């Protein structure tokens, strides 16, 4: 069970960072084309690590209450929904 949990968490991390790796090189140019300032681009990309820092303690307590696999499944599906929502 622990190996499955680790595999799911690695998959979530992989998809998250892969998505950022696709977006990061292209987004600043696109933002600048529509007139969004450079500092705002940096702010947008810094929000992801900030969210991880702020929500990690909350997710730890949530995991203790509901179980690791339920939380991992929830996170995976939220990642998929988020990727699809921002892709279109």
C-alpha atoms as a PDB file:
ATOM      1  CA  UNK A   1       0.000   0.000   0.000  1.00  0.00           C
ATOM      2  CA  UNK A   2       2.822   2.419   0.799  1.00  0.00           C
ATOM      3  CA  UNK A   3       4.471   1.780  -2.562  1.00  0.00           C
ATOM      4  CA  UNK A   4       1.191   2.582  -4.321  1.00  0.00           C
ATOM      5  CA  UNK A   5       0.870   5.793  -2.327  1.00  0.00           C
ATOM      6  CA  UNK A   6       4.408   6.832  -3.212  1.00  0.00           C
ATOM      7  CA  UNK A   7       3.770   6.045  -6.878  1.00  0.00           C
ATOM      8  CA  UNK A   8       0.596   8.144  -6.923  1.00  0.00           C
ATOM      9  CA  UNK A   9       2.311  11.059  -5.196  1.00  0.00           C
ATOM     10  CA  UNK A  10       5.187  10.856  -7.678  1.00  0.00           C
ATOM     11  CA  UNK A  11       2.682  10.882 -10.534  1.00  0.00           C
ATOM     12  CA  UNK A  12       0.980  13.956  -9.101  1.00  0.00           C
ATOM     13  CA  UNK A  13       4.309  15.742  -8.731  1.00  0.00           C
ATOM     14  CA  UNK A  14       5.412  14.690 -12.208  1.00  0.00           C
ATOM     15  CA  UNK A  15       2.253  15.973 -13.880  1.00  0.00           C
ATOM     16  CA  UNK A  16       2.378  19.197 -11.892  1.00  0.00           C
ATOM     17  CA  UNK A  17       5.980  19.988 -12.765  1.00  0.00           C
ATOM     18  CA  UNK A  18       5.578  18.824 -16.351  1.00  0.00           C
ATOM     19  CA  UNK A  19       2.662  21.202 -16.780  1.00  0.00           C
ATOM     20  CA  UNK A  20       4.718  24.062 -15.369  1.00  0.00           C
ATOM     21  CA  UNK A  21       7.643  23.118 -17.604  1.00  0.00           C
ATOM     22  CA  UNK A  22       5.405  23.432 -20.673  1.00  0.00           C
ATOM     23  CA  UNK A  23       3.844  26.712 -19.582  1.00  0.00           C
ATOM     24  CA  UNK A  24       6.807  28.577 -18.087  1.00  0.00           C
ATOM     25  CA  UNK A  25       8.821  29.130 -21.270  1.00  0.00           C
ATOM     26  CA  UNK A  26       5.801  30.298 -23.267  1.00  0.00           C
ATOM     27  CA  UNK A  27       3.713  32.267 -20.801  1.00  0.00           C
ATOM     28  CA  UNK A  28       5.910  35.349 -20.234  1.00  0.00           C
ATOM     29  CA  UNK A  29       5.960  36.188 -23.946  1.00  0.00           C
ATOM     30  CA  UNK A  30       2.224  35.657 -24.228  1.00  0.00           C
ATOM     31  CA  UNK A  31       1.565  37.791 -21.160  1.00  0.00           C
ATOM     32  CA  UNK A  32       3.730  40.582 -22.526  1.00  0.00           C
ATOM     33  CA  UNK A  33       1.913  40.463 -25.886  1.00  0.00           C
ATOM     34  CA  UNK A  34      -1.396  41.255 -24.180  1.00  0.00           C
ATOM     35  CA  UNK A  35       0.125  43.985 -22.023  1.00  0.00           C
ATOM     36  CA  UNK A  36       0.518  42.235 -18.671  1.00  0.00           C
ATOM     37  CA  UNK A  37       3.579  43.621 -16.851  1.00  0.00           C
ATOM     38  CA  UNK A  38       6.677  41.510 -16.181  1.00  0.00           C
ATOM     39  CA  UNK A  39       6.338  41.687 -12.378  1.00  0.00           C
ATOM     40  CA  UNK A  40       2.875  40.137 -12.613  1.00  0.00           C
ATOM     41  CA  UNK A  41       4.279  37.189 -14.574  1.00  0.00           C
ATOM     42  CA  UNK A  42       6.749  36.537 -11.753  1.00  0.00           C
ATOM     43  CA  UNK A  43       3.993  36.815  -9.189  1.00  0.00           C
ATOM     44  CA  UNK A  44       1.853  34.262 -11.015  1.00  0.00           C
ATOM     45  CA  UNK A  45       4.665  31.722 -11.196  1.00  0.00           C
ATOM     46  CA  UNK A  46       5.666  32.239  -7.566  1.00  0.00           C
ATOM     47  CA  UNK A  47       2.159  31.441  -6.313  1.00  0.00           C
ATOM     48  CA  UNK A  48       2.560  27.696  -6.916  1.00  0.00           C
ATOM     49  CA  UNK A  49       5.430  27.190  -4.431  1.00  0.00           C
ATOM     50  CA  UNK A  50       3.724  29.568  -2.004  1.00  0.00           C
ATOM     51  CA  UNK A  51       0.545  27.488  -2.132  1.00  0.00           C
ATOM     52  CA  UNK A  52       2.557  24.333  -1.429  1.00  0.00           C
ATOM     53  CA  UNK A  53       4.184  26.015   1.558  1.00  0.00           C
ATOM     54  CA  UNK A  54       0.898  27.278   2.989  1.00  0.00           C
ATOM     55  CA  UNK A  55      -1.290  24.232   2.391  1.00  0.00           C
ATOM     56  CA  UNK A  56       1.146  21.451   3.357  1.00  0.00           C
ATOM     57  CA  UNK A  57       0.248  21.547   7.078  1.00  0.00           C
ATOM     58  CA  UNK A  58      -3.456  21.548   6.241  1.00  0.00           C
ATOM     59  CA  UNK A  59      -3.056  18.581   3.902  1.00  0.00           C
ATOM     60  CA  UNK A  60      -1.116  16.713   6.577  1.00  0.00           C
ATOM     61  CA  UNK A  61      -4.006  16.961   9.032  1.00  0.00           C
ATOM     62  CA  UNK A  62      -6.511  16.167   6.268  1.00  0.00           C
ATOM     63  CA  UNK A  63      -4.491  13.066   5.384  1.00  0.00           C
ATOM     64  CA  UNK A  64      -4.533  11.897   8.993  1.00  0.00           C
ATOM     65  CA  UNK A  65      -8.330  12.244   9.098  1.00  0.00           C
ATOM     66  CA  UNK A  66      -9.255  10.714   5.741  1.00  0.00           C
ATOM     67  CA  UNK A  67      -6.374   8.425   4.792  1.00  0.00           C
ATOM     68  CA  UNK A  68      -3.496   8.819   2.394  1.00  0.00           C
ATOM     69  CA  UNK A  69      -5.004   7.105  -0.625  1.00  0.00           C
ATOM     70  CA  UNK A  70      -8.216   9.160  -0.531  1.00  0.00           C
ATOM     71  CA  UNK A  71      -6.194  12.360  -0.350  1.00  0.00           C
ATOM     72  CA  UNK A  72      -3.848  11.166  -3.100  1.00  0.00           C
ATOM     73  CA  UNK A  73      -6.800  10.327  -5.339  1.00  0.00           C
ATOM     74  CA  UNK A  74      -8.414  13.690  -4.616  1.00  0.00           C
ATOM     75  CA  UNK A  75      -5.179  15.526  -5.408  1.00  0.00           C
ATOM     76  CA  UNK A  76      -4.680  13.582  -8.610  1.00  0.00           C
ATOM     77  CA  UNK A  77      -8.189  14.355  -9.851  1.00  0.00           C
ATOM     78  CA  UNK A  78      -7.882  18.010  -8.866  1.00  0.00           C
ATOM     79  CA  UNK A  79      -4.602  18.175 -10.771  1.00  0.00           C
ATOM     80  CA  UNK A  80      -6.253  16.696 -13.854  1.00  0.00           C
ATOM     81  CA  UNK A  81      -9.213  19.088 -13.626  1.00  0.00           C
ATOM     82  CA  UNK A  82      -6.890  22.053 -13.115  1.00  0.00           C
ATOM     83  CA  UNK A  83      -4.731  21.126 -16.092  1.00  0.00           C
ATOM     84  CA  UNK A  84      -7.748  20.704 -18.338  1.00  0.00           C
ATOM     85  CA  UNK A  85      -9.396  23.914 -17.108  1.00  0.00           C
ATOM     86  CA  UNK A  86      -6.326  26.010 -17.796  1.00  0.00           C
ATOM     87  CA  UNK A  87      -5.515  24.242 -21.051  1.00  0.00           C
ATOM     88  CA  UNK A  88      -8.743  25.388 -22.705  1.00  0.00           C
END
